[in-house]
Amino acid sequence: MSVPPDDLIELVDAALSADYTRVRRIGSKLAKLLNTDNEEAARRLRTLIRQRGVPLRASGYAESLPVDSKSRLPLVEEQAWPTTPAFLDRSGKAVISGFLEDVRNVDLLTAKGIATRLGILLAGPPGTGKTLLAGHIAAQLGRPLYIVRLDSVISSLLGDTAKNVRSVFDFVPARDGVLFLDEIDAVAKLRDDQHELGELKRVVNTVIQGLDSLDDRAIVVAATNHPQLLDPAIWRRFPYKIELGLPDAAVREDLWRHFLMEDDAGSPLPPLLARISSGLSGADIQNIALSARRNAVFEGLPLDAGSVAWAAVETAAGRLSLSERGGLSSERKRSLSISMVRERGLSGADAARLLGVTRQAVSAWLKEDGHGEG
C-alpha cells in the first residue's frame, strides 16, 4: 500500500498536536486503503481507532468539550463506533445510501448549486436502532460521533438551556464530526403547545437557529420516539427522514440469523422464528438470542430453540421474557405449539422442529385442543 504523502504529514501533525479527532479521521482513511492489501492490519488499525483516545488521555491530553456553566457536566460526549451491525429494510437502506452519497459528494453538489442540508431525522419507537444507525453513519464516513447529553443541556435554570444549545452548535463544526441529537423532541417541541412555558419555546428557536448556523458540510443526525411532538420547522430542516418501525419478516430473519445462529446461512430456524416474532423490535430479538446463547454456554448443551420461541411469543404478547435455562416443560411445549399453529400460522411440522419434539406429539396436542391440525 502506498500512503499518500499529505495524509502521512497530516497524521504526524495531528499526533504531535494531540488532536485525537484528526488522528482517527486520517487513521480511518488509511485503514480503508490498507484493507485492499492486508485485511488483518486494517482490522488492527480500526481496533486502535475505536479505543477513543485512551492513550492520549493517559499522556495528559483531554479533548475540550462544551460544559454546562453551573454543573460543569459535558454537554456532548464522543461515542465509539458500533461493532453491532444495523439491519434496515429496503426503503431505509435506500435513504441511508442516498444520504451517505450526498455527504461524500457535497463539494460537487455545491459547485453545481444543488447542495442540501446534511441532516437526517430518525423516527421510531425504542429498540428500533436509531442510536446504532447514527453510529454506523459516523463509521461509514470515518468521523467522530458526538452525542448531545440532554441531561446536561436541559438546565434547571431555563435561561441556561438555550445557552447550552448554542454551545453545542458552536462546538461541532470545528470537529468535523457527526452531531447526534437524540430525543430531539425534548428541546424542539411544537411552539404552539399551550402547556409549555415561553422560555422553552425560546429554546426551540435556539435549536432552529443553531441548525441554520451550520454550513453545508455539517452532518446532523436527530432521533425521536415521538415525531408528532416535533415543531414543523424542525422537520423542514432535515431533508432526509427514516421511519424506523418494527422490523418486517425479512429483517427479523436477518436478525435471528446474525444474533442467534452467528450468520449460519444453512440453519432452518431463522425463517421460522421470523414468522412467530412479529411485533418484536430488533433489540428484543438481540436480547432473546444472546440470552439463549449464554444459556447454551453455561449449560454445555446445544441451543434450545424451544426456549427461544417461547420468549419470542411471550414478548410479542407484551410479557417481556428471555430464554430460560433448563428447557421448556411439557405443558409449555403443548401451549406454545398450539399458539404457534393457531395464532402464528406455523405448520405442525415447523412447530415440532422448533420445539424439538415429534410431529405426532404436536398433532396430538392440537387434537386435544379440540380443533385438529386444521
Protein backbone atom coordinates (compact mmCIF):
# COMPACT_ATOMS: atom_id res chain seq x y z
CA MET A 1 0.00 0.00 0.00
CA SER A 2 1.28 3.44 -0.90
CA VAL A 3 0.44 6.07 1.75
CA PRO A 4 -0.37 9.49 0.25
CA PRO A 5 2.32 11.92 1.47
CA ASP A 6 -0.24 14.55 2.51
CA ASP A 7 -2.05 12.00 4.70
CA LEU A 8 1.20 10.93 6.35
CA ILE A 9 2.17 14.54 7.07
CA GLU A 10 -1.27 15.33 8.48
CA LEU A 11 -1.24 12.18 10.64
CA VAL A 12 2.10 13.12 12.21
CA ASP A 13 0.97 16.71 12.72
CA ALA A 14 -2.29 15.56 14.35
CA ALA A 15 -0.48 13.11 16.63
CA LEU A 16 2.06 15.73 17.78
CA SER A 17 -0.79 18.17 18.37
CA ALA A 18 -2.70 15.53 20.38
CA ASP A 19 -5.67 16.15 18.07
CA TYR A 20 -7.46 12.83 18.53
CA THR A 21 -10.29 13.69 16.17
CA ARG A 22 -7.90 14.24 13.26
CA VAL A 23 -5.85 11.17 14.18
CA ARG A 24 -8.91 8.98 13.98
CA ARG A 25 -10.21 10.53 10.77
CA ILE A 26 -6.91 10.03 8.96
CA GLY A 27 -6.47 6.58 10.53
CA SER A 28 -9.87 5.52 9.19
CA LYS A 29 -8.88 6.69 5.73
CA LEU A 30 -5.64 4.71 5.89
CA ALA A 31 -7.49 1.61 7.15
CA LYS A 32 -9.67 1.68 4.05
CA LEU A 33 -6.59 1.91 1.82
CA LEU A 34 -4.85 -0.85 3.77
CA ASN A 35 -7.86 -3.17 3.62
CA THR A 36 -7.17 -3.98 -0.03
CA ASP A 37 -3.70 -5.38 0.63
CA ASN A 38 -3.78 -6.50 4.25
CA GLU A 39 -7.17 -7.11 5.90
CA GLU A 40 -5.64 -8.14 9.24
CA ALA A 41 -3.58 -4.96 9.51
CA ALA A 42 -6.63 -2.91 8.55
CA ARG A 43 -8.64 -4.61 11.29
CA ARG A 44 -5.96 -3.90 13.89
CA LEU A 45 -5.82 -0.26 12.84
CA ARG A 46 -9.61 0.09 13.12
CA THR A 47 -9.44 -1.51 16.60
CA LEU A 48 -6.89 1.07 17.70
CA ILE A 49 -9.05 3.87 16.35
CA ARG A 50 -12.07 2.65 18.36
CA GLN A 51 -10.16 2.99 21.64
CA ARG A 52 -11.43 6.55 21.90
CA GLY A 53 -8.08 8.13 22.58
CA VAL A 54 -7.31 6.40 25.89
CA PRO A 55 -3.52 6.54 25.30
CA LEU A 56 -3.79 10.25 24.51
CA ARG A 57 -5.73 10.95 27.70
CA ALA A 58 -3.24 8.87 29.71
CA SER A 59 -0.49 11.17 28.49
CA GLY A 60 -2.30 14.22 29.80
CA TYR A 61 -4.45 15.17 26.80
CA ALA A 62 -8.16 15.81 27.26
CA GLU A 63 -10.39 16.98 24.45
CA SER A 64 -12.12 20.25 25.26
CA LEU A 65 -15.83 19.56 25.34
CA PRO A 66 -18.50 22.19 25.99
CA VAL A 67 -19.87 22.01 29.53
CA ASP A 68 -22.82 23.36 31.47
CA SER A 69 -21.68 26.52 33.25
CA LYS A 70 -23.27 25.51 36.57
CA SER A 71 -22.87 21.71 36.84
CA ARG A 72 -19.69 21.57 34.72
CA LEU A 73 -21.05 18.39 33.14
CA PRO A 74 -20.16 17.91 29.45
CA LEU A 75 -22.91 18.81 27.00
CA VAL A 76 -21.73 16.28 24.43
CA GLU A 77 -19.78 13.07 24.65
CA GLU A 78 -17.87 11.20 21.99
CA GLN A 79 -19.08 7.66 21.43
CA ALA A 80 -17.13 4.85 19.80
CA TRP A 81 -18.35 3.44 16.51
CA PRO A 82 -20.60 0.42 16.93
CA THR A 83 -19.46 -3.12 16.29
CA THR A 84 -23.02 -4.49 16.07
CA PRO A 85 -24.44 -4.35 12.52
CA ALA A 86 -27.53 -2.31 11.70
CA PHE A 87 -30.44 -4.04 9.97
CA LEU A 88 -32.72 -1.98 7.72
CA ASP A 89 -35.48 -2.72 5.26
CA ARG A 90 -35.09 -1.82 1.58
CA SER A 91 -36.55 1.66 1.99
CA GLY A 92 -34.28 2.52 4.91
CA LYS A 93 -31.20 1.26 3.09
CA ALA A 94 -32.05 3.47 0.11
CA VAL A 95 -32.34 6.59 2.26
CA ILE A 96 -29.06 5.92 4.09
CA SER A 97 -27.27 5.14 0.84
CA GLY A 98 -28.50 8.39 -0.72
CA PHE A 99 -27.58 10.39 2.37
CA LEU A 100 -24.03 9.00 2.51
CA GLU A 101 -23.56 9.56 -1.21
CA ASP A 102 -24.58 13.21 -0.83
CA VAL A 103 -22.21 13.70 2.12
CA ARG A 104 -19.29 12.25 0.18
CA ASN A 105 -20.04 14.42 -2.85
CA VAL A 106 -21.01 17.64 -1.11
CA ASP A 107 -18.31 19.65 -2.88
CA LEU A 108 -19.51 18.52 -6.29
CA LEU A 109 -23.13 19.23 -5.40
CA THR A 110 -22.22 22.64 -4.02
CA ALA A 111 -20.35 23.51 -7.21
CA LYS A 112 -23.47 22.60 -9.20
CA GLY A 113 -25.69 24.66 -6.92
CA ILE A 114 -27.74 21.68 -5.72
CA ALA A 115 -26.28 21.01 -2.28
CA THR A 116 -28.72 20.49 0.57
CA ARG A 117 -28.55 20.27 4.33
CA LEU A 118 -26.76 17.16 5.52
CA GLY A 119 -29.34 16.37 8.18
CA ILE A 120 -31.23 13.11 8.67
CA LEU A 121 -34.11 12.54 11.09
CA LEU A 122 -34.70 9.06 12.52
CA ALA A 123 -38.14 8.45 13.99
CA GLY A 124 -39.44 5.32 15.64
CA PRO A 125 -40.17 3.55 18.92
CA PRO A 126 -37.42 2.49 21.37
CA GLY A 127 -35.33 -0.50 20.36
CA THR A 128 -35.53 0.09 16.60
CA GLY A 129 -31.86 1.04 16.24
CA LYS A 130 -31.79 4.83 15.99
CA THR A 131 -28.63 5.30 18.07
CA LEU A 132 -26.99 2.31 16.39
CA LEU A 133 -27.73 3.75 12.96
CA ALA A 134 -26.27 7.13 13.92
CA GLY A 135 -23.08 5.34 14.93
CA HIS A 136 -22.91 3.50 11.63
CA ILE A 137 -23.34 6.74 9.70
CA ALA A 138 -20.34 8.19 11.55
CA ALA A 139 -18.33 5.00 10.99
CA GLN A 140 -19.10 4.90 7.28
CA LEU A 141 -17.87 8.48 6.99
CA GLY A 142 -14.84 7.93 9.25
CA ARG A 143 -15.88 10.78 11.53
CA PRO A 144 -16.24 11.02 15.30
CA LEU A 145 -19.76 10.71 16.72
CA TYR A 146 -20.75 13.37 19.24
CA ILE A 147 -23.92 12.64 21.20
CA VAL A 148 -25.71 15.51 22.89
CA ARG A 149 -26.35 14.80 26.59
CA LEU A 150 -29.83 16.14 27.21
CA ASP A 151 -29.49 15.61 30.96
CA SER A 152 -26.76 18.29 30.89
CA VAL A 153 -28.19 20.52 28.15
CA ILE A 154 -31.60 20.93 29.79
CA SER A 155 -30.65 23.00 32.79
CA SER A 156 -32.84 23.61 35.80
CA LEU A 157 -32.22 27.27 35.00
CA LEU A 158 -34.20 27.68 31.79
CA GLY A 159 -32.10 30.57 30.53
CA ASP A 160 -29.04 28.32 30.60
CA THR A 161 -30.70 25.69 28.39
CA ALA A 162 -30.68 27.97 25.35
CA LYS A 163 -27.09 28.91 26.15
CA ASN A 164 -26.14 25.22 26.30
CA VAL A 165 -27.82 24.55 22.96
CA ARG A 166 -25.80 27.37 21.38
CA SER A 167 -22.59 25.92 22.85
CA VAL A 168 -23.30 22.54 21.24
CA PHE A 169 -23.79 24.03 17.80
CA ASP A 170 -20.67 26.17 18.17
CA PHE A 171 -18.58 23.13 19.11
CA VAL A 172 -19.36 20.59 16.39
CA PRO A 173 -18.39 22.40 13.15
CA ALA A 174 -14.80 22.76 14.34
CA ARG A 175 -14.54 19.00 14.95
CA ASP A 176 -15.69 17.76 11.54
CA GLY A 177 -17.80 15.16 13.30
CA VAL A 178 -21.34 13.84 13.26
CA LEU A 179 -23.68 15.52 15.75
CA PHE A 180 -26.34 13.19 17.14
CA LEU A 181 -29.35 14.87 18.72
CA ASP A 182 -31.11 12.00 20.46
CA GLU A 183 -34.66 12.59 21.77
CA ILE A 184 -34.71 15.91 19.94
CA ASP A 185 -38.38 16.35 20.86
CA ALA A 186 -37.18 17.21 24.39
CA VAL A 187 -35.80 20.53 23.11
CA ALA A 188 -37.78 21.01 19.88
CA LYS A 189 -41.45 20.59 20.72
CA LEU A 190 -44.31 22.32 18.94
CA ARG A 191 -44.15 26.01 19.74
CA ASP A 192 -47.95 26.24 19.84
CA ASP A 193 -48.13 23.79 22.75
CA GLN A 194 -50.20 25.67 25.32
CA HIS A 195 -48.64 23.70 28.18
CA GLU A 196 -45.08 24.84 27.50
CA LEU A 197 -43.50 27.91 29.08
CA GLY A 198 -42.36 30.79 26.93
CA GLU A 199 -38.73 30.08 27.84
CA LEU A 200 -38.96 26.54 26.46
CA LYS A 201 -40.36 27.93 23.22
CA ARG A 202 -37.29 30.16 23.02
CA VAL A 203 -35.17 27.00 23.37
CA VAL A 204 -36.87 25.64 20.23
CA ASN A 205 -35.98 28.86 18.42
CA THR A 206 -32.39 28.44 19.58
CA VAL A 207 -32.29 24.89 18.17
CA ILE A 208 -33.59 26.15 14.84
CA GLN A 209 -31.07 28.99 14.79
CA GLY A 210 -28.30 26.54 15.66
CA LEU A 211 -29.23 24.24 12.78
CA ASP A 212 -29.37 27.23 10.43
CA SER A 213 -25.93 28.39 11.58
CA LEU A 214 -24.22 25.22 10.38
CA ASP A 215 -22.57 25.22 6.98
CA ASP A 216 -23.46 22.87 4.14
CA ARG A 217 -20.86 20.31 5.24
CA ALA A 218 -22.08 19.89 8.82
CA ILE A 219 -23.67 16.49 9.48
CA VAL A 220 -26.53 16.28 11.94
CA VAL A 221 -28.47 13.15 12.86
CA ALA A 222 -31.57 13.61 15.02
CA ALA A 223 -33.75 10.95 16.59
CA THR A 224 -37.16 10.97 18.23
CA ASN A 225 -39.55 8.44 19.71
CA HIS A 226 -42.38 10.96 19.36
CA PRO A 227 -42.29 12.56 15.89
CA GLN A 228 -45.77 14.04 16.40
CA LEU A 229 -44.32 16.34 19.10
CA LEU A 230 -41.72 17.95 16.85
CA ASP A 231 -42.16 21.50 15.68
CA PRO A 232 -42.78 21.63 11.88
CA ALA A 233 -39.80 23.95 11.46
CA ILE A 234 -37.56 21.17 12.80
CA TRP A 235 -38.97 18.71 10.25
CA ARG A 236 -38.15 21.12 7.42
CA ARG A 237 -34.51 21.31 8.47
CA PHE A 238 -33.96 17.59 7.97
CA PRO A 239 -34.34 16.74 4.27
CA TYR A 240 -33.58 13.06 4.86
CA LYS A 241 -36.00 11.09 7.02
CA ILE A 242 -36.39 7.44 8.01
CA GLU A 243 -39.35 5.97 9.84
CA LEU A 244 -37.82 3.11 11.82
CA GLY A 245 -40.71 0.86 12.67
CA LEU A 246 -40.63 -2.66 13.98
CA PRO A 247 -38.68 -4.99 11.66
CA ASP A 248 -40.55 -6.79 8.91
CA ALA A 249 -40.26 -10.56 8.38
CA ALA A 250 -37.16 -10.31 6.16
CA VAL A 251 -35.31 -8.12 8.65
CA ARG A 252 -36.38 -10.32 11.56
CA GLU A 253 -34.93 -13.32 9.77
CA ASP A 254 -31.63 -11.47 9.29
CA LEU A 255 -31.62 -10.51 12.98
CA TRP A 256 -32.22 -14.08 14.17
CA ARG A 257 -29.61 -15.44 11.78
CA HIS A 258 -26.98 -12.97 12.96
CA PHE A 259 -27.58 -12.90 16.71
CA LEU A 260 -28.75 -16.48 17.29
CA MET A 261 -27.11 -18.54 14.56
CA GLU A 262 -23.93 -16.47 14.13
CA ASP A 263 -24.73 -15.95 10.44
CA ASP A 264 -25.14 -19.67 9.74
CA ALA A 265 -26.71 -19.49 6.28
CA GLY A 266 -27.86 -23.10 6.36
CA SER A 267 -29.92 -23.06 9.55
CA PRO A 268 -33.69 -23.53 9.03
CA LEU A 269 -34.55 -21.82 12.33
CA PRO A 270 -34.37 -18.07 11.45
CA PRO A 271 -37.26 -18.15 8.91
CA LEU A 272 -39.46 -19.97 11.44
CA LEU A 273 -38.55 -17.62 14.27
CA ALA A 274 -39.16 -14.64 11.99
CA ARG A 275 -42.73 -15.83 11.42
CA ILE A 276 -43.58 -16.10 15.12
CA SER A 277 -41.80 -12.92 16.27
CA SER A 278 -43.94 -10.29 14.59
CA GLY A 279 -44.16 -7.28 16.89
CA LEU A 280 -40.66 -7.63 18.32
CA SER A 281 -38.08 -4.88 17.97
CA GLY A 282 -34.51 -5.51 16.88
CA ALA A 283 -33.40 -5.01 20.47
CA ASP A 284 -35.93 -7.63 21.66
CA ILE A 285 -34.58 -10.20 19.20
CA GLN A 286 -30.97 -9.43 20.09
CA ASN A 287 -31.65 -9.80 23.83
CA ILE A 288 -33.55 -13.09 23.45
CA ALA A 289 -30.98 -14.57 21.07
CA LEU A 290 -27.98 -13.65 23.19
CA SER A 291 -29.62 -14.94 26.37
CA ALA A 292 -30.23 -18.29 24.62
CA ARG A 293 -26.60 -18.49 23.52
CA ARG A 294 -25.41 -17.67 27.04
CA ASN A 295 -27.62 -20.42 28.45
CA ALA A 296 -26.19 -22.91 25.96
CA VAL A 297 -22.64 -22.00 27.01
CA PHE A 298 -23.36 -22.21 30.74
CA GLU A 299 -25.27 -25.50 30.45
CA GLY A 300 -22.88 -27.07 27.96
CA LEU A 301 -25.84 -28.01 25.78
CA PRO A 302 -26.97 -27.26 22.21
CA LEU A 303 -29.06 -24.16 21.61
CA ASP A 304 -32.64 -24.61 22.86
CA ALA A 305 -34.82 -23.31 20.01
CA GLY A 306 -37.98 -24.04 22.01
CA SER A 307 -37.00 -21.63 24.78
CA VAL A 308 -36.17 -19.01 22.15
CA ALA A 309 -39.59 -19.47 20.55
CA TRP A 310 -41.31 -19.26 23.95
CA ALA A 311 -39.51 -15.99 24.80
CA ALA A 312 -40.34 -14.54 21.37
CA VAL A 313 -44.06 -15.35 21.62
CA GLU A 314 -44.29 -14.13 25.22
CA THR A 315 -42.51 -10.86 24.40
CA ALA A 316 -44.69 -10.30 21.34
CA ALA A 317 -47.72 -10.70 23.62
CA GLY A 318 -46.44 -7.93 25.87
CA ARG A 319 -44.90 -10.19 28.51
CA LEU A 320 -41.20 -9.42 28.29
CA SER A 321 -39.23 -12.62 28.52
CA LEU A 322 -35.78 -14.06 27.87
CA SER A 323 -34.80 -17.61 27.03
CA GLU A 324 -34.99 -19.80 30.11
CA ARG A 325 -32.44 -22.32 31.28
CA GLY A 326 -33.40 -25.93 31.71
CA GLY A 327 -35.72 -26.17 28.71
CA LEU A 328 -39.49 -25.93 28.50
CA SER A 329 -41.85 -28.11 30.48
CA SER A 330 -44.20 -30.42 28.57
CA GLU A 331 -47.13 -28.14 29.37
CA ARG A 332 -45.32 -25.11 27.97
CA LYS A 333 -44.38 -27.03 24.83
CA ARG A 334 -48.03 -28.01 24.40
CA SER A 335 -49.24 -24.42 24.94
CA LEU A 336 -46.57 -23.00 22.64
CA SER A 337 -47.23 -25.49 19.84
CA ILE A 338 -50.93 -24.61 19.84
CA SER A 339 -50.15 -20.89 19.86
CA MET A 340 -47.64 -21.14 17.01
CA VAL A 341 -50.02 -23.15 14.80
CA ARG A 342 -53.30 -21.40 15.67
CA GLU A 343 -52.12 -17.81 16.06
CA ARG A 344 -48.79 -17.57 14.24
CA GLY A 345 -49.55 -19.70 11.19
CA LEU A 346 -46.83 -22.34 11.54
CA SER A 347 -47.43 -25.85 10.32
CA GLY A 348 -47.36 -28.72 12.80
CA ALA A 349 -44.07 -29.91 11.30
CA ASP A 350 -42.46 -26.47 11.74
CA ALA A 351 -43.71 -26.21 15.32
CA ALA A 352 -42.26 -29.65 16.05
CA ARG A 353 -38.91 -28.60 14.57
CA LEU A 354 -38.70 -25.53 16.81
CA LEU A 355 -39.75 -27.42 19.93
CA GLY A 356 -37.55 -30.43 19.27
CA VAL A 357 -40.47 -32.87 19.51
CA THR A 358 -42.08 -35.27 17.06
CA ARG A 359 -44.64 -34.26 14.51
CA GLN A 360 -47.02 -36.76 16.13
CA ALA A 361 -46.71 -35.04 19.52
CA VAL A 362 -47.76 -31.69 18.06
CA SER A 363 -50.65 -33.34 16.21
CA ALA A 364 -51.84 -34.95 19.45
CA TRP A 365 -51.70 -31.62 21.32
CA LEU A 366 -53.73 -29.95 18.59
CA LYS A 367 -56.33 -32.68 18.72
CA GLU A 368 -56.54 -32.35 22.50
CA ASP A 369 -57.16 -28.68 21.95
CA GLY A 370 -60.33 -29.69 20.15
CA HIS A 371 -59.66 -28.47 16.62
CA GLY A 372 -57.27 -30.87 15.00
CA GLU A 373 -54.38 -29.55 12.94
CA GLY A 374 -56.56 -27.59 10.51
